[in-house]
Amino acid sequence: MMEPNIEIQNFHAHVYYDPTTREAAARVRQGLSDRFPVQLGRWHDSLVAPHTKAMYQVSFDREQFALVVPWLMLN
């Protein structure tokens, strides 16, 4: 029997916004793109289940976790 691969390869986060915060979400998106080797998902201005707010996704490798997540928390 093979052992399951339990090593985490990558992460993703969702940046949620509404019509009043979309410009701020755009600045966060640009900051992510300028600073980190991330993959940015499409803008979803209408709801995409199971998410209950407009959002976009950002994906990043595990090596970037300690850099990206604190930056997101502060921005």
N, C-alpha and C. Protein backbone atom coordinates (compact mmCIF):
# COMPACT_ATOMS: atom_id res chain seq x y z
N MET A 1 0.85 -1.18 0.00
CA MET A 1 0.00 0.00 0.00
C MET A 1 0.89 1.24 0.00
N MET A 2 0.57 2.18 -0.88
CA MET A 2 1.32 3.43 -0.94
C MET A 2 0.88 4.36 0.18
N GLU A 3 1.85 5.07 0.72
CA GLU A 3 1.52 6.08 1.72
C GLU A 3 0.97 7.31 1.01
N PRO A 4 -0.02 7.95 1.60
CA PRO A 4 -0.55 9.16 0.96
C PRO A 4 0.48 10.28 1.00
N ASN A 5 0.45 11.11 -0.02
CA ASN A 5 1.33 12.28 -0.07
C ASN A 5 0.69 13.35 0.79
N ILE A 6 1.28 13.62 1.95
CA ILE A 6 0.70 14.60 2.86
C ILE A 6 1.48 15.91 2.87
N GLU A 7 2.43 16.02 1.95
CA GLU A 7 3.21 17.25 1.87
C GLU A 7 2.42 18.30 1.09
N ILE A 8 2.31 19.46 1.68
CA ILE A 8 1.58 20.55 1.03
C ILE A 8 2.45 21.14 -0.07
N GLN A 9 1.91 21.25 -1.26
CA GLN A 9 2.63 21.77 -2.41
C GLN A 9 2.39 23.26 -2.62
N ASN A 10 1.14 23.70 -2.44
CA ASN A 10 0.83 25.10 -2.67
C ASN A 10 -0.39 25.51 -1.86
N PHE A 11 -0.65 26.80 -1.90
CA PHE A 11 -1.75 27.38 -1.16
C PHE A 11 -2.53 28.31 -2.07
N HIS A 12 -3.72 28.69 -1.62
CA HIS A 12 -4.44 29.76 -2.29
C HIS A 12 -5.24 30.53 -1.24
N ALA A 13 -5.52 31.77 -1.59
CA ALA A 13 -6.33 32.64 -0.74
C ALA A 13 -7.36 33.32 -1.62
N HIS A 14 -8.42 33.77 -0.99
CA HIS A 14 -9.46 34.50 -1.70
C HIS A 14 -9.47 35.93 -1.17
N VAL A 15 -9.51 36.87 -2.06
CA VAL A 15 -9.63 38.28 -1.69
C VAL A 15 -11.08 38.68 -1.99
N TYR A 16 -11.82 38.97 -0.94
CA TYR A 16 -13.23 39.31 -1.06
C TYR A 16 -13.40 40.82 -1.10
N TYR A 17 -14.42 41.27 -1.81
CA TYR A 17 -14.68 42.69 -1.92
C TYR A 17 -16.15 42.91 -2.25
N ASP A 18 -16.56 44.15 -2.16
CA ASP A 18 -17.90 44.53 -2.59
C ASP A 18 -17.75 45.80 -3.43
N PRO A 19 -18.83 46.35 -3.95
CA PRO A 19 -18.68 47.53 -4.83
C PRO A 19 -17.92 48.69 -4.17
N THR A 20 -18.02 48.82 -2.86
CA THR A 20 -17.34 49.93 -2.19
C THR A 20 -15.86 49.65 -1.92
N THR A 21 -15.45 48.39 -2.00
CA THR A 21 -14.05 48.04 -1.70
C THR A 21 -13.32 47.46 -2.91
N ARG A 22 -13.94 47.49 -4.08
CA ARG A 22 -13.30 46.89 -5.26
C ARG A 22 -11.99 47.60 -5.63
N GLU A 23 -11.94 48.91 -5.49
CA GLU A 23 -10.70 49.63 -5.80
C GLU A 23 -9.57 49.21 -4.86
N ALA A 24 -9.88 49.02 -3.59
CA ALA A 24 -8.87 48.54 -2.63
C ALA A 24 -8.43 47.13 -3.01
N ALA A 25 -9.37 46.29 -3.42
CA ALA A 25 -9.02 44.93 -3.85
C ALA A 25 -8.12 44.97 -5.08
N ALA A 26 -8.34 45.94 -5.95
CA ALA A 26 -7.49 46.09 -7.14
C ALA A 26 -6.07 46.49 -6.73
N ARG A 27 -5.95 47.36 -5.72
CA ARG A 27 -4.61 47.75 -5.25
C ARG A 27 -3.90 46.56 -4.61
N VAL A 28 -4.63 45.76 -3.85
CA VAL A 28 -4.04 44.55 -3.26
C VAL A 28 -3.59 43.61 -4.37
N ARG A 29 -4.40 43.44 -5.37
CA ARG A 29 -4.07 42.56 -6.50
C ARG A 29 -2.79 43.04 -7.19
N GLN A 30 -2.68 44.34 -7.44
CA GLN A 30 -1.49 44.88 -8.08
C GLN A 30 -0.27 44.69 -7.19
N GLY A 31 -0.44 44.90 -5.89
CA GLY A 31 0.66 44.70 -4.95
C GLY A 31 1.14 43.26 -4.94
N LEU A 32 0.21 42.31 -4.98
CA LEU A 32 0.59 40.90 -5.04
C LEU A 32 1.39 40.61 -6.31
N SER A 33 0.89 41.11 -7.42
CA SER A 33 1.54 40.88 -8.70
C SER A 33 2.93 41.51 -8.75
N ASP A 34 3.08 42.69 -8.17
CA ASP A 34 4.36 43.39 -8.19
C ASP A 34 5.41 42.76 -7.28
N ARG A 35 4.97 42.13 -6.18
CA ARG A 35 5.90 41.69 -5.15
C ARG A 35 6.20 40.19 -5.13
N PHE A 36 5.29 39.38 -5.62
CA PHE A 36 5.41 37.94 -5.40
C PHE A 36 5.17 37.14 -6.69
N PRO A 37 5.77 35.97 -6.79
CA PRO A 37 5.49 35.09 -7.93
C PRO A 37 4.20 34.29 -7.68
N VAL A 38 3.08 34.95 -7.87
CA VAL A 38 1.77 34.35 -7.60
C VAL A 38 0.99 34.21 -8.90
N GLN A 39 -0.04 33.41 -8.84
CA GLN A 39 -0.99 33.29 -9.96
C GLN A 39 -2.29 33.92 -9.50
N LEU A 40 -2.75 34.90 -10.25
CA LEU A 40 -3.98 35.59 -9.89
C LEU A 40 -5.13 35.06 -10.72
N GLY A 41 -6.21 34.72 -10.03
CA GLY A 41 -7.41 34.24 -10.71
C GLY A 41 -8.23 35.40 -11.24
N ARG A 42 -9.28 35.06 -11.94
CA ARG A 42 -10.17 36.05 -12.53
C ARG A 42 -10.96 36.78 -11.45
N TRP A 43 -11.37 37.98 -11.78
CA TRP A 43 -12.32 38.71 -10.94
C TRP A 43 -13.67 38.01 -11.05
N HIS A 44 -14.31 37.82 -9.94
CA HIS A 44 -15.67 37.26 -9.91
C HIS A 44 -16.57 38.29 -9.23
N ASP A 45 -17.10 39.21 -10.02
CA ASP A 45 -17.97 40.25 -9.48
C ASP A 45 -19.33 39.71 -9.07
N SER A 46 -19.75 38.62 -9.70
CA SER A 46 -20.99 37.97 -9.27
C SER A 46 -20.59 36.73 -8.47
N LEU A 47 -21.50 36.26 -7.67
CA LEU A 47 -21.18 35.18 -6.74
C LEU A 47 -20.88 33.87 -7.45
N VAL A 48 -19.87 33.19 -6.93
CA VAL A 48 -19.48 31.86 -7.39
C VAL A 48 -19.51 30.97 -6.16
N ALA A 49 -20.43 30.01 -6.13
CA ALA A 49 -20.58 29.15 -4.95
C ALA A 49 -19.26 28.43 -4.66
N PRO A 50 -18.93 28.25 -3.44
CA PRO A 50 -19.70 28.53 -2.23
C PRO A 50 -19.45 29.92 -1.66
N HIS A 51 -18.79 30.77 -2.39
CA HIS A 51 -18.43 32.10 -1.87
C HIS A 51 -19.65 33.02 -1.87
N THR A 52 -19.78 33.78 -0.81
CA THR A 52 -20.95 34.62 -0.64
C THR A 52 -20.66 36.10 -0.92
N LYS A 53 -19.46 36.38 -1.42
CA LYS A 53 -19.10 37.74 -1.81
C LYS A 53 -18.31 37.67 -3.11
N ALA A 54 -18.25 38.80 -3.80
CA ALA A 54 -17.38 38.90 -4.97
C ALA A 54 -15.95 38.64 -4.53
N MET A 55 -15.12 38.07 -5.43
CA MET A 55 -13.76 37.73 -5.01
C MET A 55 -12.89 37.42 -6.20
N TYR A 56 -11.59 37.32 -5.91
CA TYR A 56 -10.63 36.69 -6.83
C TYR A 56 -9.71 35.83 -5.98
N GLN A 57 -9.09 34.88 -6.62
CA GLN A 57 -8.21 33.94 -5.93
C GLN A 57 -6.76 34.25 -6.27
N VAL A 58 -5.89 34.01 -5.31
CA VAL A 58 -4.45 34.12 -5.53
C VAL A 58 -3.82 32.80 -5.08
N SER A 59 -3.02 32.19 -5.96
CA SER A 59 -2.36 30.91 -5.67
C SER A 59 -0.86 31.15 -5.57
N PHE A 60 -0.23 30.40 -4.66
CA PHE A 60 1.21 30.57 -4.47
C PHE A 60 1.81 29.29 -3.90
N ASP A 61 3.10 29.10 -4.16
CA ASP A 61 3.83 27.94 -3.69
C ASP A 61 4.08 28.03 -2.20
N ARG A 62 4.31 26.90 -1.59
CA ARG A 62 4.52 26.86 -0.13
C ARG A 62 5.70 27.71 0.30
N GLU A 63 6.70 27.86 -0.57
CA GLU A 63 7.87 28.66 -0.22
C GLU A 63 7.50 30.13 -0.06
N GLN A 64 6.41 30.56 -0.65
CA GLN A 64 5.97 31.94 -0.58
C GLN A 64 5.01 32.22 0.57
N PHE A 65 4.56 31.17 1.24
CA PHE A 65 3.53 31.32 2.29
C PHE A 65 3.93 32.36 3.33
N ALA A 66 5.13 32.25 3.87
CA ALA A 66 5.57 33.13 4.96
C ALA A 66 5.73 34.58 4.50
N LEU A 67 5.76 34.82 3.22
CA LEU A 67 5.86 36.18 2.69
C LEU A 67 4.49 36.72 2.27
N VAL A 68 3.73 35.89 1.56
CA VAL A 68 2.45 36.34 1.00
C VAL A 68 1.39 36.53 2.09
N VAL A 69 1.24 35.57 2.98
CA VAL A 69 0.16 35.63 3.95
C VAL A 69 0.30 36.83 4.89
N PRO A 70 1.46 37.08 5.48
CA PRO A 70 1.56 38.30 6.31
C PRO A 70 1.29 39.57 5.51
N TRP A 71 1.77 39.62 4.26
CA TRP A 71 1.52 40.80 3.42
C TRP A 71 0.01 40.99 3.20
N LEU A 72 -0.68 39.89 2.91
CA LEU A 72 -2.14 39.97 2.73
C LEU A 72 -2.82 40.44 4.01
N MET A 73 -2.37 39.94 5.15
CA MET A 73 -2.99 40.32 6.42
C MET A 73 -2.83 41.82 6.70
N LEU A 74 -1.72 42.38 6.28
CA LEU A 74 -1.47 43.80 6.52
C LEU A 74 -2.06 44.71 5.46
N ASN A 75 -2.42 44.15 4.33
CA ASN A 75 -2.92 44.96 3.23
C ASN A 75 -4.35 44.64 2.87
